[in-house]
Amino acid sequence: MAQVAEGAGFEVLDPRFAALFAAHIHVERLWTGARWCEGPAWFAAGRYLLWSDIPNNRMMRWDETDGSVSVFRAPSQNSNGNTVDRQGRLVTCEHLTRRVTRTEHDGTITVLADSFDGKRLNSPNDVVVKSDGSIWFTDPTYGILTDYEGDRAEPELAGCHVYRIEAQSGRLTQMTTDFAKPNGLAFSPDERQLYISDTGATHQPDGPAHIRRFDVGQDQALSGGEVFAECSNGVFDGFRLDSDGRIWTSAFDGVHCHDPDGTLIGKIQIPEIVANLTFGGAKRNRLFICGTSSLYAVYVFANGVTIG
C-alpha cells in the first residue's frame, strides 16, 4: 500500500523548478523489499509498471488498478534495463546471459543481440527504442565484474560501448568508442540528440560521472559528445527526458532535474540511492523512481517524451 515517503521532498535550486510541482504533492513509496531496483518500464495498455530486482534475479510488476505488487518473471537472467518498443513489447537487458531480448506478445522471448564481431557482449545495461524501431543499448561490464549481478567473467570485447540494433535487419553497430562505463541513455524529444551517462567513477579514481550529449545524424552516426552535466552527488545512472527537454536523472541523493541548458534546477530527495526512473500514468506525468530497495512515485507538472 502506498505511503508518504519519509525523508523525501522537493528541493528548489532554481525558480524554474518551482513551477514543476505543487506544495501539497508528496513522494509515495509504493513498495519495498528489493536488493537493487532498476529498469522501470511503463505499460500503458495494462496500466502496470515492470522493473528489475537485479541481485534477486527477478522482475517485479506493480498494478496501478489496485496497487498490488507481484513477481513478473523469475529467474529473470539478472535483468537490468527495460523499455517498451513501438508495438508494446518488453525489451530487456540481461546481465547473466549478456544479451538484449524482446518478450513477444505471446510470452516467447526473442534474442536481439548477444555478441559483436563474434565476441560476447559485456553485460547490456540500459536500453531505449527510437521512433524508427531501432534499439539502442549500453554495454558496460557491471554484470561480469562480480557474481552479485550476474556471473563473474573476463570481458571478450575491448572496451565498453553503445550499440544500435537496426529495426529491419537486426544488424548490430557499435556507435561509440570513448566511454569508460556507458550507462543510462535517452533521446531528446525530436530525437536529434542522444544523451548518454558515463559512470566510470564507480570503479576508476577520478573517473567520469556525467552525462554527455551527442548529435544524431541522418545516417544515425553520432557526433559531438560534449559533457552536458556533471553529477554533484554520486553518478548519473538511468534517466528520462520530458516533452520540454528537461532531463530527470538518478543520483545518490534522489532525482536531479536539469534544464535543457544543463542547469541543475532542482532535486526530488529520495532516502535511498536512485538507480533509474521513468514517466508513466495516463498522462505520462507520474515519475516512477527505483530506489535501492524500494519503488517510489510522484506526480510532476511535466510529461515524459515516450512511454516506457
Protein backbone atom coordinates (compact mmCIF):
# COMPACT_ATOMS: atom_id res chain seq x y z
CA MET A 1 0.00 0.00 0.00
CA ALA A 2 1.35 3.43 -0.96
CA GLN A 3 2.71 5.57 1.88
CA VAL A 4 4.13 9.05 2.05
CA ALA A 5 7.90 8.55 1.83
CA GLU A 6 9.69 9.90 4.89
CA GLY A 7 12.79 11.90 4.07
CA ALA A 8 11.57 12.65 0.56
CA GLY A 9 10.59 16.00 -0.91
CA PHE A 10 11.35 18.70 -3.44
CA GLU A 11 14.46 20.90 -3.29
CA VAL A 12 14.28 24.04 -5.42
CA LEU A 13 17.64 25.26 -6.72
CA ASP A 14 16.26 27.49 -9.48
CA PRO A 15 12.84 29.17 -9.86
CA ARG A 16 12.24 27.13 -12.99
CA PHE A 17 11.89 24.01 -10.85
CA ALA A 18 9.24 25.50 -8.55
CA ALA A 19 6.81 25.58 -11.46
CA LEU A 20 7.03 21.78 -11.87
CA PHE A 21 5.19 20.70 -8.73
CA ALA A 22 2.61 21.84 -6.17
CA ALA A 23 3.28 22.36 -2.47
CA HIS A 24 0.85 19.62 -1.45
CA ILE A 25 2.37 16.91 -3.66
CA HIS A 26 4.22 14.16 -1.79
CA VAL A 27 6.54 11.40 -2.87
CA GLU A 28 4.93 8.00 -2.25
CA ARG A 29 6.67 4.74 -1.51
CA LEU A 30 4.70 2.13 -3.44
CA TRP A 31 6.65 -0.95 -2.38
CA THR A 32 9.84 -2.10 -0.66
CA GLY A 33 11.73 -5.39 -0.43
CA ALA A 34 14.33 -5.44 -3.21
CA ARG A 35 18.11 -5.55 -3.15
CA TRP A 36 18.77 -3.25 -6.14
CA CYS A 37 15.84 -1.86 -8.16
CA GLU A 38 16.49 -0.94 -11.78
CA GLY A 39 14.97 -0.58 -15.22
CA PRO A 40 11.38 0.66 -14.71
CA ALA A 41 9.14 0.46 -17.79
CA TRP A 42 5.53 1.59 -18.04
CA PHE A 43 2.97 -0.48 -19.98
CA ALA A 44 0.07 1.86 -20.72
CA ALA A 45 -2.33 -0.73 -22.14
CA GLY A 46 -2.24 -2.78 -18.95
CA ARG A 47 -1.70 0.11 -16.53
CA TYR A 48 1.27 -1.56 -14.89
CA LEU A 49 4.95 -0.97 -14.27
CA LEU A 50 7.71 -3.55 -14.62
CA TRP A 51 11.12 -3.21 -13.06
CA SER A 52 14.18 -5.34 -12.25
CA ASP A 53 15.48 -6.51 -8.88
CA ILE A 54 18.88 -7.47 -10.25
CA PRO A 55 20.60 -9.39 -7.39
CA ASN A 56 17.39 -11.27 -6.58
CA ASN A 57 17.21 -12.38 -10.23
CA ARG A 58 13.60 -11.33 -10.74
CA MET A 59 11.39 -8.76 -12.40
CA MET A 60 8.57 -7.17 -10.44
CA ARG A 61 5.17 -5.84 -11.50
CA TRP A 62 3.19 -3.02 -9.90
CA ASP A 63 -0.51 -2.77 -10.88
CA GLU A 64 -1.97 0.74 -10.98
CA THR A 65 -5.54 -0.55 -10.72
CA ASP A 66 -5.15 -1.94 -7.20
CA GLY A 67 -1.61 -1.13 -6.07
CA SER A 68 -0.61 -4.77 -5.88
CA VAL A 69 2.95 -5.98 -6.48
CA SER A 70 3.84 -9.41 -7.79
CA VAL A 71 6.76 -11.24 -9.35
CA PHE A 72 6.54 -10.89 -13.12
CA ARG A 73 9.49 -13.14 -14.03
CA ALA A 74 11.85 -15.31 -12.02
CA PRO A 75 14.51 -16.13 -12.85
CA SER A 76 15.00 -13.02 -14.97
CA GLN A 77 18.60 -13.68 -16.04
CA ASN A 78 19.61 -10.83 -13.70
CA SER A 79 17.71 -8.39 -15.89
CA ASN A 80 18.68 -4.73 -15.65
CA GLY A 81 17.29 -2.09 -18.04
CA ASN A 82 13.86 -2.46 -19.62
CA THR A 83 11.80 -0.48 -22.08
CA VAL A 84 8.75 -0.79 -24.31
CA ASP A 85 9.03 -0.89 -28.10
CA ARG A 86 6.60 0.74 -30.53
CA GLN A 87 4.48 -2.42 -30.64
CA GLY A 88 4.11 -2.54 -26.85
CA ARG A 89 6.61 -5.36 -26.34
CA LEU A 90 9.08 -5.61 -23.47
CA VAL A 91 12.76 -5.13 -24.37
CA THR A 92 15.22 -6.20 -21.68
CA CYS A 93 18.95 -6.09 -20.94
CA GLU A 94 20.10 -9.28 -19.23
CA HIS A 95 23.33 -9.46 -17.24
CA LEU A 96 23.50 -13.21 -16.71
CA THR A 97 23.09 -14.16 -20.38
CA ARG A 98 24.84 -10.98 -21.59
CA ARG A 99 22.16 -10.26 -24.13
CA VAL A 100 19.27 -8.00 -25.17
CA THR A 101 15.91 -9.73 -25.55
CA ARG A 102 12.34 -8.95 -26.57
CA THR A 103 9.34 -10.56 -24.95
CA GLU A 104 6.74 -11.18 -27.66
CA HIS A 105 3.00 -10.74 -27.16
CA ASP A 106 2.61 -14.49 -26.69
CA GLY A 107 5.29 -14.56 -23.98
CA THR A 108 8.08 -16.11 -26.03
CA ILE A 109 11.50 -14.49 -25.84
CA THR A 110 13.49 -13.39 -28.88
CA VAL A 111 17.23 -12.75 -28.59
CA LEU A 112 18.05 -9.45 -30.30
CA ALA A 113 21.78 -9.21 -29.54
CA ASP A 114 24.31 -11.26 -27.58
CA SER A 115 27.59 -10.75 -29.42
CA PHE A 116 29.51 -8.32 -31.58
CA ASP A 117 32.17 -9.34 -34.10
CA GLY A 118 31.97 -12.88 -32.77
CA LYS A 119 32.63 -11.90 -29.15
CA ARG A 120 30.14 -11.94 -26.29
CA LEU A 121 28.75 -8.64 -25.10
CA ASN A 122 29.87 -7.46 -21.65
CA SER A 123 26.54 -7.10 -19.82
CA PRO A 124 23.89 -4.95 -21.53
CA ASN A 125 22.70 -2.34 -19.05
CA ASP A 126 20.09 0.15 -20.30
CA VAL A 127 18.04 0.38 -23.47
CA VAL A 128 15.82 2.76 -25.46
CA VAL A 129 13.83 2.41 -28.67
CA LYS A 130 13.87 5.14 -31.32
CA SER A 131 10.78 6.00 -33.40
CA ASP A 132 12.27 4.21 -36.41
CA GLY A 133 12.21 0.99 -34.39
CA SER A 134 15.96 0.82 -33.84
CA ILE A 135 17.09 -0.28 -30.38
CA TRP A 136 20.00 1.45 -28.64
CA PHE A 137 21.70 -0.01 -25.58
CA THR A 138 24.74 0.46 -23.37
CA ASP A 139 27.18 -2.34 -22.57
CA PRO A 140 29.40 -1.72 -19.52
CA THR A 141 30.96 -4.56 -17.51
CA TYR A 142 28.96 -4.33 -14.27
CA GLY A 143 27.30 -7.71 -14.74
CA ILE A 144 30.60 -9.57 -15.12
CA LEU A 145 32.71 -7.76 -12.53
CA THR A 146 31.33 -9.89 -9.66
CA ASP A 147 28.83 -12.66 -9.03
CA TYR A 148 26.35 -10.27 -7.40
CA GLU A 149 24.50 -9.13 -10.54
CA GLY A 150 25.50 -11.91 -12.94
CA ASP A 151 28.45 -14.26 -13.42
CA ARG A 152 32.00 -13.04 -12.93
CA ALA A 153 33.88 -13.28 -16.22
CA GLU A 154 36.61 -11.65 -18.25
CA PRO A 155 35.34 -9.31 -20.97
CA GLU A 156 35.76 -10.53 -24.51
CA LEU A 157 35.31 -7.13 -26.13
CA ALA A 158 37.81 -4.29 -25.95
CA GLY A 159 36.07 -1.52 -24.04
CA CYS A 160 32.52 -0.61 -23.15
CA HIS A 161 30.33 0.91 -25.83
CA VAL A 162 26.87 1.93 -27.00
CA TYR A 163 25.27 -0.21 -29.71
CA ARG A 164 22.39 0.12 -32.15
CA ILE A 165 20.20 -2.72 -33.41
CA GLU A 166 18.73 -1.87 -36.82
CA ALA A 167 14.97 -2.40 -36.86
CA GLN A 168 14.57 -4.36 -40.09
CA SER A 169 17.81 -6.30 -40.47
CA GLY A 170 18.73 -6.71 -36.81
CA ARG A 171 22.28 -5.67 -37.67
CA LEU A 172 24.31 -4.58 -34.65
CA THR A 173 26.52 -1.48 -34.93
CA GLN A 174 28.93 -0.04 -32.39
CA MET A 175 28.10 3.67 -32.01
CA THR A 176 30.72 4.99 -29.53
CA THR A 177 34.40 4.47 -28.78
CA ASP A 178 35.42 6.59 -25.78
CA PHE A 179 33.28 5.70 -22.76
CA ALA A 180 34.53 4.22 -19.51
CA LYS A 181 31.17 2.82 -18.36
CA PRO A 182 28.26 3.91 -20.58
CA ASN A 183 25.07 3.55 -18.58
CA GLY A 184 21.75 5.40 -19.00
CA LEU A 185 20.67 6.82 -22.34
CA ALA A 186 17.71 8.72 -23.79
CA PHE A 187 16.82 10.73 -26.89
CA SER A 188 15.75 14.35 -26.98
CA PRO A 189 12.07 14.98 -27.85
CA ASP A 190 12.92 15.48 -31.55
CA GLU A 191 15.45 12.60 -31.50
CA ARG A 192 18.14 14.84 -32.95
CA GLN A 193 20.26 14.38 -29.84
CA LEU A 194 21.18 11.38 -27.72
CA TYR A 195 22.17 11.74 -24.08
CA ILE A 196 24.40 9.06 -22.52
CA SER A 197 25.68 8.86 -18.96
CA ASP A 198 29.14 7.62 -18.06
CA THR A 199 29.50 6.09 -14.60
CA GLY A 200 33.19 5.25 -14.82
CA ALA A 201 33.71 6.89 -11.43
CA THR A 202 32.26 3.77 -9.77
CA HIS A 203 35.46 1.83 -10.49
CA GLN A 204 38.04 4.41 -11.54
CA PRO A 205 39.59 7.10 -9.34
CA ASP A 206 38.64 10.44 -10.87
CA GLY A 207 36.59 8.58 -13.46
CA PRO A 208 33.65 10.21 -15.27
CA ALA A 209 30.37 10.92 -13.51
CA HIS A 210 28.50 12.88 -16.12
CA ILE A 211 26.00 12.92 -18.98
CA ARG A 212 27.22 13.60 -22.49
CA ARG A 213 25.17 14.94 -25.40
CA PHE A 214 25.57 13.74 -28.98
CA ASP A 215 24.06 14.93 -32.24
CA VAL A 216 22.34 12.17 -34.24
CA GLY A 217 22.91 12.41 -38.00
CA GLN A 218 20.53 11.34 -40.73
CA ASP A 219 22.69 8.24 -41.12
CA GLN A 220 22.30 7.66 -37.34
CA ALA A 221 26.00 8.36 -36.72
CA LEU A 222 26.80 10.24 -33.51
CA SER A 223 28.90 13.40 -33.37
CA GLY A 224 29.78 15.91 -30.69
CA GLY A 225 29.66 14.27 -27.30
CA GLU A 226 30.32 17.24 -25.07
CA VAL A 227 29.62 16.96 -21.34
CA PHE A 228 26.08 18.15 -20.66
CA ALA A 229 26.09 17.90 -16.85
CA GLU A 230 28.37 16.69 -14.05
CA CYS A 231 26.81 14.78 -11.17
CA SER A 232 27.04 16.63 -7.85
CA ASN A 233 26.26 13.56 -5.75
CA GLY A 234 27.47 10.14 -6.87
CA VAL A 235 26.84 9.25 -10.50
CA PHE A 236 24.04 9.60 -13.02
CA ASP A 237 22.66 6.14 -13.75
CA GLY A 238 19.34 5.94 -15.64
CA PHE A 239 17.33 8.98 -16.74
CA ARG A 240 14.45 10.20 -18.91
CA LEU A 241 13.52 13.43 -20.70
CA ASP A 242 10.23 15.28 -20.54
CA SER A 243 8.48 16.86 -23.51
CA ASP A 244 10.17 20.22 -22.86
CA GLY A 245 13.65 18.69 -23.00
CA ARG A 246 14.42 18.63 -19.29
CA ILE A 247 16.43 15.68 -18.01
CA TRP A 248 15.22 13.87 -14.89
CA THR A 249 18.09 11.70 -13.75
CA SER A 250 19.03 9.35 -10.96
CA ALA A 251 21.73 10.30 -8.43
CA PHE A 252 22.85 9.15 -4.99
CA ASP A 253 20.60 11.66 -3.18
CA GLY A 254 17.49 11.22 -5.32
CA VAL A 255 16.37 12.59 -8.68
CA HIS A 256 18.12 15.59 -10.25
CA CYS A 257 16.30 17.77 -12.77
CA HIS A 258 18.40 19.58 -15.36
CA ASP A 259 17.04 22.27 -17.66
CA PRO A 260 17.81 21.87 -21.39
CA ASP A 261 20.64 24.38 -20.91
CA GLY A 262 22.30 21.98 -18.45
CA THR A 263 21.47 23.87 -15.26
CA LEU A 264 20.60 21.76 -12.23
CA ILE A 265 17.31 23.41 -11.28
CA GLY A 266 16.06 21.10 -8.54
CA LYS A 267 16.02 17.72 -6.86
CA ILE A 268 13.48 15.20 -5.66
CA GLN A 269 15.01 13.93 -2.45
CA ILE A 270 14.75 10.15 -2.00
CA PRO A 271 16.06 8.40 1.15
CA GLU A 272 17.93 5.79 -0.92
CA ILE A 273 20.36 5.80 -3.81
CA VAL A 274 18.32 6.09 -7.02
CA ALA A 275 19.28 3.88 -9.96
CA ASN A 276 16.66 4.67 -12.57
CA LEU A 277 13.26 6.19 -13.30
CA THR A 278 10.59 6.56 -15.95
CA PHE A 279 7.42 8.50 -16.67
CA GLY A 280 4.09 6.70 -16.62
CA GLY A 281 0.39 7.00 -15.88
CA ALA A 282 -2.37 8.03 -18.27
CA LYS A 283 -0.77 11.43 -18.95
CA ARG A 284 2.89 10.40 -18.52
CA ASN A 285 3.12 12.89 -15.65
CA ARG A 286 3.85 10.41 -12.87
CA LEU A 287 7.51 9.74 -12.22
CA PHE A 288 8.28 6.18 -11.11
CA ILE A 289 11.57 6.02 -9.24
CA CYS A 290 13.70 2.96 -8.48
CA GLY A 291 15.46 3.45 -5.16
CA THR A 292 17.90 0.85 -3.87
CA SER A 293 15.28 -1.33 -2.21
CA SER A 294 12.01 0.47 -2.95
CA LEU A 295 9.73 1.75 -5.69
CA TYR A 296 8.63 5.39 -5.37
CA ALA A 297 6.27 7.58 -7.37
CA VAL A 298 5.43 11.27 -7.55
CA TYR A 299 3.32 13.46 -9.81
CA VAL A 300 5.07 16.38 -11.52
CA PHE A 301 3.96 19.16 -13.86
CA ALA A 302 5.87 17.64 -16.78
CA ASN A 303 5.15 14.87 -19.25
CA GLY A 304 7.52 12.16 -20.38
CA VAL A 305 8.50 12.11 -24.03
CA THR A 306 7.58 8.49 -24.66
CA ILE A 307 6.02 5.54 -22.88
CA GLY A 308 8.47 3.09 -21.36
